[in-house]
PDB file of N, CA and C in Angstrom:
ATOM      1  N   MET A   1       0.747  -1.056   0.226  1.00  0.00           N
ATOM      2  CA  MET A   1      -0.149   0.080  -0.081  1.00  0.00           C
ATOM      3  C   MET A   1       0.818   1.337   0.196  1.00  0.00           C
ATOM      4  N   LYS A   2       1.965   1.177   0.562  1.00  0.00           N
ATOM      5  CA  LYS A   2       2.927   2.459   0.833  1.00  0.00           C
ATOM      6  C   LYS A   2       3.548   2.535  -0.629  1.00  0.00           C
ATOM      7  N   ASP A   3       3.553   1.858  -1.799  1.00  0.00           N
ATOM      8  CA  ASP A   3       3.782   2.040  -2.902  1.00  0.00           C
ATOM      9  C   ASP A   3       2.830   3.090  -3.371  1.00  0.00           C
ATOM     10  N   PHE A   4       1.853   2.299  -3.128  1.00  0.00           N
ATOM     11  CA  PHE A   4       0.138   3.195  -3.932  1.00  0.00           C
ATOM     12  C   PHE A   4       0.299   4.304  -3.701  1.00  0.00           C
ATOM     13  N   ILE A   5       0.080   4.718  -2.504  1.00  0.00           N
ATOM     14  CA  ILE A   5       0.554   5.927  -2.184  1.00  0.00           C
ATOM     15  C   ILE A   5       1.194   7.048  -2.084  1.00  0.00           C
ATOM     16  N   ASP A   6       2.260   6.539  -2.482  1.00  0.00           N
ATOM     17  CA  ASP A   6       3.812   7.349  -2.605  1.00  0.00           C
ATOM     18  C   ASP A   6       3.648   7.602  -4.600  1.00  0.00           C
ATOM     19  N   ARG A   7       2.867   6.649  -5.095  1.00  0.00           N
ATOM     20  CA  ARG A   7       2.660   6.811  -6.465  1.00  0.00           C
ATOM     21  C   ARG A   7       1.574   8.085  -6.910  1.00  0.00           C
ATOM     22  N   TYR A   8       0.561   7.723  -5.876  1.00  0.00           N
ATOM     23  CA  TYR A   8      -0.481   8.622  -6.415  1.00  0.00           C
ATOM     24  C   TYR A   8      -0.712   9.966  -5.238  1.00  0.00           C
ATOM     25  N   TYR A   9      -0.392  10.163  -4.264  1.00  0.00           N
ATOM     26  CA  TYR A   9      -0.433  11.456  -3.523  1.00  0.00           C
ATOM     27  C   TYR A   9      -0.171  12.432  -3.712  1.00  0.00           C
ATOM     28  N   PRO A  10       1.286  12.766  -4.385  1.00  0.00           N
ATOM     29  CA  PRO A  10       1.353  13.975  -4.566  1.00  0.00           C
ATOM     30  C   PRO A  10       0.402  14.636  -6.030  1.00  0.00           C
ATOM     31  N   ASN A  11       0.279  13.848  -6.842  1.00  0.00           N
ATOM     32  CA  ASN A  11      -0.414  14.163  -7.919  1.00  0.00           C
ATOM     33  C   ASN A  11      -2.304  14.657  -7.602  1.00  0.00           C
ATOM     34  N   VAL A  12      -2.949  13.312  -6.502  1.00  0.00           N
ATOM     35  CA  VAL A  12      -4.217  13.902  -5.938  1.00  0.00           C
ATOM     36  C   VAL A  12      -3.825  15.052  -4.924  1.00  0.00           C
ATOM     37  N   PHE A  13      -2.852  15.407  -4.299  1.00  0.00           N
ATOM     38  CA  PHE A  13      -2.871  16.651  -3.449  1.00  0.00           C
ATOM     39  C   PHE A  13      -2.699  17.767  -4.299  1.00  0.00           C
ATOM     40  N   ASN A  14      -2.349  17.952  -5.233  1.00  0.00           N
ATOM     41  CA  ASN A  14      -1.946  19.054  -6.058  1.00  0.00           C
ATOM     42  C   ASN A  14      -3.548  19.181  -6.784  1.00  0.00           C
ATOM     43  N   ALA A  15      -4.074  18.278  -7.350  1.00  0.00           N
ATOM     44  CA  ALA A  15      -5.234  18.282  -8.547  1.00  0.00           C
ATOM     45  C   ALA A  15      -6.433  18.593  -7.072  1.00  0.00           C
ATOM     46  N   ALA A  16      -6.333  17.926  -5.997  1.00  0.00           N
ATOM     47  CA  ALA A  16      -7.043  18.747  -5.089  1.00  0.00           C
ATOM     48  C   ALA A  16      -7.317  20.223  -4.964  1.00  0.00           C
ATOM     49  N   ALA A  17      -5.842  20.543  -4.501  1.00  0.00           N
ATOM     50  CA  ALA A  17      -5.655  21.861  -4.299  1.00  0.00           C
ATOM     51  C   ALA A  17      -6.107  22.834  -5.470  1.00  0.00           C
ATOM     52  N   ARG A  18      -6.030  22.433  -6.515  1.00  0.00           N
ATOM     53  CA  ARG A  18      -6.814  23.005  -7.586  1.00  0.00           C
ATOM     54  C   ARG A  18      -8.204  22.951  -7.829  1.00  0.00           C
ATOM     55  N   LEU A  19      -8.429  21.838  -7.642  1.00  0.00           N
ATOM     56  CA  LEU A  19      -9.976  21.993  -7.453  1.00  0.00           C
ATOM     57  C   LEU A  19     -10.869  22.568  -6.481  1.00  0.00           C
ATOM     58  N   THR A  20     -10.107  22.849  -5.172  1.00  0.00           N
ATOM     59  CA  THR A  20     -10.754  23.245  -4.011  1.00  0.00           C
ATOM     60  C   THR A  20     -10.725  24.745  -3.980  1.00  0.00           C
ATOM     61  N   GLY A  21      -9.259  25.022  -4.557  1.00  0.00           N
ATOM     62  CA  GLY A  21      -8.945  26.147  -4.440  1.00  0.00           C
ATOM     63  C   GLY A  21      -8.184  26.754  -2.945  1.00  0.00           C
ATOM     64  N   LEU A  22      -8.058  25.330  -2.046  1.00  0.00           N
ATOM     65  CA  LEU A  22      -7.667  25.074  -0.515  1.00  0.00           C
ATOM     66  C   LEU A  22      -6.006  25.506  -0.502  1.00  0.00           C
ATOM     67  N   SER A  23      -5.579  26.370   0.463  1.00  0.00           N
ATOM     68  CA  SER A  23      -3.798  26.552   0.560  1.00  0.00           C
ATOM     69  C   SER A  23      -3.667  25.503   1.784  1.00  0.00           C
ATOM     70  N   ASP A  24      -4.824  25.552   2.783  1.00  0.00           N
ATOM     71  CA  ASP A  24      -4.630  24.895   4.023  1.00  0.00           C
ATOM     72  C   ASP A  24      -3.877  23.480   4.029  1.00  0.00           C
ATOM     73  N   LYS A  25      -2.810  22.910   3.908  1.00  0.00           N
ATOM     74  CA  LYS A  25      -2.159  21.985   3.974  1.00  0.00           C
ATOM     75  C   LYS A  25      -2.971  20.556   4.560  1.00  0.00           C
ATOM     76  N   GLU A  26      -3.197  20.942   5.722  1.00  0.00           N
ATOM     77  CA  GLU A  26      -3.656  19.596   6.497  1.00  0.00           C
ATOM     78  C   GLU A  26      -4.934  19.210   5.911  1.00  0.00           C
ATOM     79  N   GLU A  27      -6.174  20.494   5.529  1.00  0.00           N
ATOM     80  CA  GLU A  27      -7.012  20.199   4.858  1.00  0.00           C
ATOM     81  C   GLU A  27      -6.960  19.400   3.714  1.00  0.00           C
ATOM     82  N   LEU A  28      -5.923  19.882   2.504  1.00  0.00           N
ATOM     83  CA  LEU A  28      -5.844  18.883   1.604  1.00  0.00           C
ATOM     84  C   LEU A  28      -4.933  17.633   1.456  1.00  0.00           C
ATOM     85  N   ALA A  29      -4.182  17.440   2.783  1.00  0.00           N
ATOM     86  CA  ALA A  29      -3.674  16.096   3.365  1.00  0.00           C
ATOM     87  C   ALA A  29      -5.270  15.149   3.485  1.00  0.00           C
ATOM     88  N   LYS A  30      -5.499  15.630   4.398  1.00  0.00           N
ATOM     89  CA  LYS A  30      -7.456  14.684   4.707  1.00  0.00           C
ATOM     90  C   LYS A  30      -7.668  14.582   3.456  1.00  0.00           C
ATOM     91  N   LEU A  31      -8.428  15.318   2.331  1.00  0.00           N
ATOM     92  CA  LEU A  31      -8.751  15.457   1.310  1.00  0.00           C
ATOM     93  C   LEU A  31      -8.219  13.974   0.365  1.00  0.00           C
ATOM     94  N   THR A  32      -7.028  14.302   0.062  1.00  0.00           N
ATOM     95  CA  THR A  32      -6.047  13.337  -0.486  1.00  0.00           C
ATOM     96  C   THR A  32      -6.108  11.754   0.482  1.00  0.00           C
ATOM     97  N   GLU A  33      -6.026  11.808   1.493  1.00  0.00           N
ATOM     98  CA  GLU A  33      -6.483  10.619   2.244  1.00  0.00           C
ATOM     99  C   GLU A  33      -7.911  10.096   1.854  1.00  0.00           C
ATOM    100  N   ASP A  34      -8.718  10.847   2.162  1.00  0.00           N
ATOM    101  CA  ASP A  34      -9.753  10.242   1.540  1.00  0.00           C
ATOM    102  C   ASP A  34      -9.832  10.137   0.105  1.00  0.00           C
ATOM    103  N   VAL A  35      -9.447  10.662  -0.941  1.00  0.00           N
ATOM    104  CA  VAL A  35      -9.402   9.989  -2.190  1.00  0.00           C
ATOM    105  C   VAL A  35      -8.885   8.772  -2.401  1.00  0.00           C
ATOM    106  N   LEU A  36      -7.622   8.713  -1.620  1.00  0.00           N
ATOM    107  CA  LEU A  36      -6.899   7.428  -2.290  1.00  0.00           C
ATOM    108  C   LEU A  36      -7.710   6.095  -1.195  1.00  0.00           C
ATOM    109  N   ALA A  37      -7.954   6.525  -0.103  1.00  0.00           N
ATOM    110  CA  ALA A  37      -8.792   5.592   0.596  1.00  0.00           C
ATOM    111  C   ALA A  37      -9.975   4.879  -0.385  1.00  0.00           C
ATOM    112  N   THR A  38     -10.740   5.522  -1.051  1.00  0.00           N
ATOM    113  CA  THR A  38     -11.778   5.443  -2.065  1.00  0.00           C
ATOM    114  C   THR A  38     -11.303   4.629  -3.127  1.00  0.00           C
ATOM    115  N   LEU A  39     -10.081   5.091  -3.506  1.00  0.00           N
ATOM    116  CA  LEU A  39      -8.945   4.490  -4.909  1.00  0.00           C
ATOM    117  C   LEU A  39      -8.830   3.170  -4.381  1.00  0.00           C
ATOM    118  N   TRP A  40      -8.110   3.072  -2.963  1.00  0.00           N
ATOM    119  CA  TRP A  40      -7.735   1.690  -2.140  1.00  0.00           C
ATOM    120  C   TRP A  40      -8.809   0.804  -2.330  1.00  0.00           C
ATOM    121  N   GLU A  41      -9.930   1.026  -1.638  1.00  0.00           N
ATOM    122  CA  GLU A  41     -11.192   0.245  -1.719  1.00  0.00           C
ATOM    123  C   GLU A  41     -11.642  -0.383  -3.007  1.00  0.00           C
ATOM    124  N   ASN A  42     -11.501   0.483  -4.092  1.00  0.00           N
ATOM    125  CA  ASN A  42     -11.869  -0.136  -5.304  1.00  0.00           C
ATOM    126  C   ASN A  42     -10.743  -0.383  -6.271  1.00  0.00           C
ATOM    127  N   ARG A  43      -9.414  -0.618  -5.728  1.00  0.00           N
ATOM    128  CA  ARG A  43      -8.282  -1.006  -6.306  1.00  0.00           C
ATOM    129  C   ARG A  43      -8.497  -2.193  -7.323  1.00  0.00           C
ATOM    130  N   ARG A  44      -9.085  -3.619  -7.339  1.00  0.00           N
ATOM    131  CA  ARG A  44      -9.375  -4.258  -8.013  1.00  0.00           C
ATOM    132  C   ARG A  44     -10.138  -3.814  -9.740  1.00  0.00           C
ATOM    133  N   GLU A  45     -10.897  -2.827  -9.305  1.00  0.00           N
ATOM    134  CA  GLU A  45     -11.581  -1.882 -10.599  1.00  0.00           C
ATOM    135  C   GLU A  45     -10.914  -1.056 -11.149  1.00  0.00           C
ATOM    136  N   PHE A  46     -10.005  -0.732 -10.274  1.00  0.00           N
ATOM    137  CA  PHE A  46      -8.893   0.529 -10.623  1.00  0.00           C
ATOM    138  C   PHE A  46      -7.824  -0.240 -11.724  1.00  0.00           C
ATOM    139  N   ALA A  47      -7.312  -1.395 -11.007  1.00  0.00           N
ATOM    140  CA  ALA A  47      -6.614  -2.065 -12.208  1.00  0.00           C
ATOM    141  C   ALA A  47      -6.859  -1.869 -12.937  1.00  0.00           C
ATOM    142  N   SER A  48      -8.109  -2.699 -13.203  1.00  0.00           N
ATOM    143  CA  SER A  48      -8.633  -3.310 -14.422  1.00  0.00           C
ATOM    144  C   SER A  48      -9.160  -2.224 -15.298  1.00  0.00           C
ATOM    145  N   GLU A  49      -9.518  -1.268 -14.847  1.00  0.00           N
ATOM    146  CA  GLU A  49     -10.016   0.162 -16.046  1.00  0.00           C
ATOM    147  C   GLU A  49      -8.846   0.020 -17.285  1.00  0.00           C
ATOM    148  N   GLU A  50      -9.606   0.247 -18.256  1.00  0.00           N
ATOM    149  CA  GLU A  50      -8.714   0.765 -19.354  1.00  0.00           C
ATOM    150  C   GLU A  50      -7.885   2.052 -19.084  1.00  0.00           C
ATOM    151  N   ARG A  51      -8.520   2.811 -18.858  1.00  0.00           N
ATOM    152  CA  ARG A  51      -8.356   4.041 -18.388  1.00  0.00           C
ATOM    153  C   ARG A  51      -8.344   4.676 -17.422  1.00  0.00           C
ATOM    154  N   PRO A  52      -7.154   4.382 -16.112  1.00  0.00           N
ATOM    155  CA  PRO A  52      -7.265   4.328 -14.787  1.00  0.00           C
ATOM    156  C   PRO A  52      -7.381   5.599 -14.557  1.00  0.00           C
ATOM    157  N   GLY A  53      -6.500   6.614 -15.201  1.00  0.00           N
ATOM    158  CA  GLY A  53      -6.704   7.978 -14.886  1.00  0.00           C
ATOM    159  C   GLY A  53      -8.022   8.736 -14.468  1.00  0.00           C
ATOM    160  N   VAL A  54      -9.163   8.142 -15.947  1.00  0.00           N
ATOM    161  CA  VAL A  54     -10.283   8.759 -15.800  1.00  0.00           C
ATOM    162  C   VAL A  54     -10.476   8.102 -14.602  1.00  0.00           C
ATOM    163  N   PHE A  55     -10.447   6.930 -14.070  1.00  0.00           N
ATOM    164  CA  PHE A  55     -11.236   6.218 -12.607  1.00  0.00           C
ATOM    165  C   PHE A  55     -11.139   7.192 -11.540  1.00  0.00           C
ATOM    166  N   LEU A  56      -9.433   7.582 -11.434  1.00  0.00           N
ATOM    167  CA  LEU A  56      -8.828   8.332 -10.646  1.00  0.00           C
ATOM    168  C   LEU A  56      -9.504   9.862 -10.556  1.00  0.00           C
ATOM    169  N   TYR A  57      -9.766  10.135 -11.674  1.00  0.00           N
ATOM    170  CA  TYR A  57     -10.255  11.624 -11.734  1.00  0.00           C
ATOM    171  C   TYR A  57     -11.349  11.377 -11.135  1.00  0.00           C
ATOM    172  N   ARG A  58     -12.531  10.608 -11.709  1.00  0.00           N
ATOM    173  CA  ARG A  58     -13.935  11.044 -11.102  1.00  0.00           C
ATOM    174  C   ARG A  58     -13.885  10.439  -9.680  1.00  0.00           C
ATOM    175  N   ILE A  59     -12.867   9.636  -9.053  1.00  0.00           N
ATOM    176  CA  ILE A  59     -13.302   9.398  -7.517  1.00  0.00           C
ATOM    177  C   ILE A  59     -12.553  10.897  -7.028  1.00  0.00           C
ATOM    178  N   LEU A  60     -11.928  11.275  -7.477  1.00  0.00           N
ATOM    179  CA  LEU A  60     -11.274  12.712  -7.210  1.00  0.00           C
ATOM    180  C   LEU A  60     -12.445  14.070  -7.281  1.00  0.00           C
ATOM    181  N   LEU A  61     -13.127  13.371  -8.297  1.00  0.00           N
ATOM    182  CA  LEU A  61     -13.996  14.681  -8.704  1.00  0.00           C
ATOM    183  C   LEU A  61     -15.489  14.223  -7.019  1.00  0.00           C
ATOM    184  N   GLN A  62     -15.725  13.118  -7.025  1.00  0.00           N
ATOM    185  CA  GLN A  62     -16.835  12.779  -6.093  1.00  0.00           C
ATOM    186  C   GLN A  62     -15.949  13.095  -4.650  1.00  0.00           C
ATOM    187  N   GLU A  63     -15.114  13.122  -4.110  1.00  0.00           N
ATOM    188  CA  GLU A  63     -14.174  13.325  -3.120  1.00  0.00           C
ATOM    189  C   GLU A  63     -14.264  14.805  -2.789  1.00  0.00           C
ATOM    190  N   VAL A  64     -14.180  15.485  -3.730  1.00  0.00           N
ATOM    191  CA  VAL A  64     -14.230  16.959  -3.750  1.00  0.00           C
ATOM    192  C   VAL A  64     -15.142  17.948  -3.803  1.00  0.00           C
ATOM    193  N   ILE A  65     -16.489  17.033  -4.699  1.00  0.00           N
ATOM    194  CA  ILE A  65     -17.701  17.615  -4.348  1.00  0.00           C
ATOM    195  C   ILE A  65     -18.390  17.675  -3.245  1.00  0.00           C
ATOM    196  N   THR A  66     -18.056  16.545  -2.991  1.00  0.00           N
ATOM    197  CA  THR A  66     -18.379  16.006  -1.033  1.00  0.00           C
ATOM    198  C   THR A  66     -18.058  16.818  -0.188  1.00  0.00           C
ATOM    199  N   PHE A  67     -16.592  16.957  -0.226  1.00  0.00           N
ATOM    200  CA  PHE A  67     -16.267  18.254   0.614  1.00  0.00           C
ATOM    201  C   PHE A  67     -16.776  19.576   0.658  1.00  0.00           C
ATOM    202  N   LEU A  68     -16.669  19.970  -0.316  1.00  0.00           N
ATOM    203  CA  LEU A  68     -16.769  21.207  -0.641  1.00  0.00           C
ATOM    204  C   LEU A  68     -18.793  21.322  -0.572  1.00  0.00           C
ATOM    205  N   ARG A  69     -19.292  20.558  -0.472  1.00  0.00           N
ATOM    206  CA  ARG A  69     -20.671  20.839   0.197  1.00  0.00           C
ATOM    207  C   ARG A  69     -20.869  20.514   1.230  1.00  0.00           C
ATOM    208  N   ARG A  70     -20.119  20.172   1.739  1.00  0.00           N
ATOM    209  CA  ARG A  70     -20.102  19.859   3.512  1.00  0.00           C
ATOM    210  C   ARG A  70     -19.490  20.931   4.016  1.00  0.00           C
ATOM    211  N   ARG A  71     -18.731  21.990   3.182  1.00  0.00           N
ATOM    212  CA  ARG A  71     -18.192  23.199   3.739  1.00  0.00           C
ATOM    213  C   ARG A  71     -19.479  24.447   3.335  1.00  0.00           C
ATOM    214  N   GLY A  72     -20.248  24.100   2.623  1.00  0.00           N
ATOM    215  CA  GLY A  72     -21.078  25.051   2.206  1.00  0.00           C
ATOM    216  C   GLY A  72     -20.591  25.725   1.181  1.00  0.00           C
ATOM    217  N   ASP A  73     -19.929  25.506   0.426  1.00  0.00           N
ATOM    218  CA  ASP A  73     -18.848  26.154  -0.588  1.00  0.00           C
ATOM    219  C   ASP A  73     -19.475  25.934  -1.920  1.00  0.00           C
ATOM    220  N   LEU A  74     -20.883  26.602  -2.228  1.00  0.00           N
ATOM    221  CA  LEU A  74     -21.664  26.457  -3.275  1.00  0.00           C
ATOM    222  C   LEU A  74     -21.152  27.205  -4.895  1.00  0.00           C
ATOM    223  N   GLN A  75     -20.793  27.825  -4.048  1.00  0.00           N
ATOM    224  CA  GLN A  75     -20.091  29.025  -5.385  1.00  0.00           C
ATOM    225  C   GLN A  75     -18.614  28.207  -6.231  1.00  0.00           C
ATOM    226  N   ARG A  76     -18.114  27.434  -4.802  1.00  0.00           N
ATOM    227  CA  ARG A  76     -17.295  26.621  -6.041  1.00  0.00           C
ATOM    228  C   ARG A  76     -17.674  25.648  -6.731  1.00  0.00           C
ATOM    229  N   ILE A  77     -18.192  25.226  -6.034  1.00  0.00           N
ATOM    230  CA  ILE A  77     -18.931  23.881  -6.781  1.00  0.00           C
ATOM    231  C   ILE A  77     -19.464  24.118  -8.268  1.00  0.00           C
ATOM    232  N   ARG A  78     -20.040  25.770  -8.236  1.00  0.00           N
ATOM    233  CA  ARG A  78     -20.618  26.215  -9.260  1.00  0.00           C
ATOM    234  C   ARG A  78     -19.722  26.373 -10.286  1.00  0.00           C
ATOM    235  N   ILE A  79     -18.614  26.775  -9.741  1.00  0.00           N
ATOM    236  CA  ILE A  79     -17.222  27.119 -10.861  1.00  0.00           C
ATOM    237  C   ILE A  79     -17.116  25.795 -11.412  1.00  0.00           C
ATOM    238  N   LEU A  80     -16.498  24.778 -10.347  1.00  0.00           N
ATOM    239  CA  LEU A  80     -16.283  23.561 -11.214  1.00  0.00           C
ATOM    240  C   LEU A  80     -16.901  23.003 -12.348  1.00  0.00           C
ATOM    241  N   ARG A  81     -18.917  23.465 -11.623  1.00  0.00           N
ATOM    242  CA  ARG A  81     -19.765  23.057 -12.700  1.00  0.00           C
ATOM    243  C   ARG A  81     -19.402  23.814 -14.345  1.00  0.00           C
ATOM    244  N   ASP A  82     -19.274  24.917 -13.876  1.00  0.00           N
ATOM    245  CA  ASP A  82     -19.098  25.323 -15.144  1.00  0.00           C
ATOM    246  C   ASP A  82     -17.899  25.353 -16.193  1.00  0.00           C
ATOM    247  N   ILE A  83     -16.937  25.276 -15.753  1.00  0.00           N
ATOM    248  CA  ILE A  83     -15.324  25.235 -15.821  1.00  0.00           C
ATOM    249  C   ILE A  83     -15.155  24.022 -16.640  1.00  0.00           C
ATOM    250  N   LEU A  84     -15.677  22.958 -15.570  1.00  0.00           N
ATOM    251  CA  LEU A  84     -15.488  21.412 -15.783  1.00  0.00           C
ATOM    252  C   LEU A  84     -16.679  20.740 -16.944  1.00  0.00           C
ATOM    253  N   LEU A  85     -17.554  21.414 -17.198  1.00  0.00           N
ATOM    254  CA  LEU A  85     -18.446  21.000 -17.422  1.00  0.00           C
ATOM    255  C   LEU A  85     -19.070  20.041 -17.230  1.00  0.00           C
ATOM    256  N   ILE A  86     -19.385  19.813 -15.995  1.00  0.00           N
ATOM    257  CA  ILE A  86     -20.002  18.716 -14.768  1.00  0.00           C
ATOM    258  C   ILE A  86     -21.391  19.000 -14.351  1.00  0.00           C
ATOM    259  N   ASP A  87     -22.480  18.113 -14.112  1.00  0.00           N
ATOM    260  CA  ASP A  87     -23.431  18.168 -13.285  1.00  0.00           C
ATOM    261  C   ASP A  87     -22.745  17.231 -11.772  1.00  0.00           C
ATOM    262  N   PRO A  88     -22.905  18.105 -10.485  1.00  0.00           N
ATOM    263  CA  PRO A  88     -22.146  17.590  -9.358  1.00  0.00           C
ATOM    264  C   PRO A  88     -23.038  16.655  -9.005  1.00  0.00           C
ATOM    265  N   ALA A  89     -24.359  16.596  -9.201  1.00  0.00           N
ATOM    266  CA  ALA A  89     -25.349  15.402  -8.894  1.00  0.00           C
ATOM    267  C   ALA A  89     -24.865  14.374  -9.647  1.00  0.00           C
ATOM    268  N   ILE A  90     -24.128  13.843 -10.791  1.00  0.00           N
ATOM    269  CA  ILE A  90     -23.573  12.596 -11.289  1.00  0.00           C
ATOM    270  C   ILE A  90     -22.911  12.310  -9.809  1.00  0.00           C
ATOM    271  N   TYR A  91     -22.003  12.799  -9.327  1.00  0.00           N
ATOM    272  CA  TYR A  91     -21.150  12.733  -8.299  1.00  0.00           C
ATOM    273  C   TYR A  91     -21.631  12.283  -6.834  1.00  0.00           C
ATOM    274  N   LEU A  92     -22.850  12.746  -6.535  1.00  0.00           N
ATOM    275  CA  LEU A  92     -23.118  12.613  -5.148  1.00  0.00           C
ATOM    276  C   LEU A  92     -24.489  11.390  -5.278  1.00  0.00           C
ATOM    277  N   SER A  93     -24.673  11.148  -4.251  1.00  0.00           N
ATOM    278  CA  SER A  93     -26.101   9.865  -4.263  1.00  0.00           C
ATOM    279  C   SER A  93     -27.105  10.905  -3.839  1.00  0.00           C
ATOM    280  N   GLY A  94     -26.738  12.054  -2.943  1.00  0.00           N
ATOM    281  CA  GLY A  94     -27.940  13.018  -3.039  1.00  0.00           C
ATOM    282  C   GLY A  94     -27.214  14.245  -1.815  1.00  0.00           C
ATOM    283  N   PRO A  95     -28.192  14.999  -1.488  1.00  0.00           N
ATOM    284  CA  PRO A  95     -27.655  16.538  -0.971  1.00  0.00           C
ATOM    285  C   PRO A  95     -27.447  16.133   0.476  1.00  0.00           C
ATOM    286  N   PRO A  96     -26.715  16.923   1.111  1.00  0.00           N
ATOM    287  CA  PRO A  96     -26.517  16.498   2.513  1.00  0.00           C
ATOM    288  C   PRO A  96     -27.638  17.532   3.382  1.00  0.00           C
ATOM    289  N   PRO A  97     -28.437  16.879   4.440  1.00  0.00           N
ATOM    290  CA  PRO A  97     -29.736  17.587   4.619  1.00  0.00           C
ATOM    291  C   PRO A  97     -29.329  19.024   5.038  1.00  0.00           C
ATOM    292  N   ASP A  98     -28.355  19.188   5.644  1.00  0.00           N
ATOM    293  CA  ASP A  98     -27.965  20.874   5.674  1.00  0.00           C
ATOM    294  C   ASP A  98     -27.620  21.530   4.491  1.00  0.00           C
ATOM    295  N   LEU A  99     -27.683  21.217   3.244  1.00  0.00           N
ATOM    296  CA  LEU A  99     -27.059  22.159   2.183  1.00  0.00           C
ATOM    297  C   LEU A  99     -28.332  21.822   1.010  1.00  0.00           C
ATOM    298  N   PRO A 100     -28.627  23.170   0.413  1.00  0.00           N
ATOM    299  CA  PRO A 100     -29.795  23.147  -0.173  1.00  0.00           C
ATOM    300  C   PRO A 100     -29.355  22.512  -1.767  1.00  0.00           C
ATOM    301  N   ASP A 101     -30.142  22.033  -2.601  1.00  0.00           N
ATOM    302  CA  ASP A 101     -29.783  21.536  -3.918  1.00  0.00           C
ATOM    303  C   ASP A 101     -29.161  22.817  -4.518  1.00  0.00           C
ATOM    304  N   LEU A 102     -28.288  22.392  -5.515  1.00  0.00           N
ATOM    305  CA  LEU A 102     -28.148  23.402  -6.456  1.00  0.00           C
ATOM    306  C   LEU A 102     -28.827  23.602  -7.762  1.00  0.00           C
ATOM    307  N   PRO A 103     -29.187  25.087  -7.923  1.00  0.00           N
ATOM    308  CA  PRO A 103     -29.663  24.935  -8.729  1.00  0.00           C
ATOM    309  C   PRO A 103     -29.098  24.990 -10.321  1.00  0.00           C
ATOM    310  N   LEU A 104     -30.111  25.058 -11.279  1.00  0.00           N
ATOM    311  CA  LEU A 104     -29.398  24.522 -12.118  1.00  0.00           C
ATOM    312  C   LEU A 104     -28.980  25.715 -13.243  1.00  0.00           C
ATOM    313  N   GLY A 105     -27.878  25.233 -13.744  1.00  0.00           N
ATOM    314  CA  GLY A 105     -27.094  26.559 -14.374  1.00  0.00           C
ATOM    315  C   GLY A 105     -26.983  26.702 -15.818  1.00  0.00           C
ATOM    316  N   PRO A 106     -26.530  27.849 -16.673  1.00  0.00           N
ATOM    317  CA  PRO A 106     -27.030  27.843 -18.277  1.00  0.00           C
ATOM    318  C   PRO A 106     -26.353  26.439 -18.736  1.00  0.00           C
ATOM    319  N   LEU A 107     -25.488  25.890 -18.323  1.00  0.00           N
ATOM    320  CA  LEU A 107     -24.961  24.528 -19.118  1.00  0.00           C
ATOM    321  C   LEU A 107     -25.976  23.342 -19.050  1.00  0.00           C
ATOM    322  N   SER A 108     -26.975  23.380 -18.239  1.00  0.00           N
ATOM    323  CA  SER A 108     -27.852  22.387 -18.042  1.00  0.00           C
ATOM    324  C   SER A 108     -29.401  22.683 -18.470  1.00  0.00           C
ATOM    325  N   GLN A 109     -29.198  24.076 -19.480  1.00  0.00           N
ATOM    326  CA  GLN A 109     -30.720  24.117 -20.044  1.00  0.00           C
ATOM    327  C   GLN A 109     -30.768  23.763 -21.577  1.00  0.00           C
TER     328      GLN A 109
END
């Protein structure tokens, strides 16, 4: 597992920093650990993927959007939605009870 972490940690950490806009290294480290834990739990599927980078990025986006929603950072989610042309609902099973649903943006119309 150490090799797994050593291989992916720097790239996941940097991507998480760019996607969230955070500079707090402790928060980024926790988010990175969450991404790698999810990836490790799905390592058999990850290993059999034709495009493992896409699989990793999907997990990263899922964790980042969940993290941002827990923080109530709807503005950052909207920015990601508009820049990355994604619908955050794809990456979540449902909204947390303390946050409102995201309004549909111009890309979903």
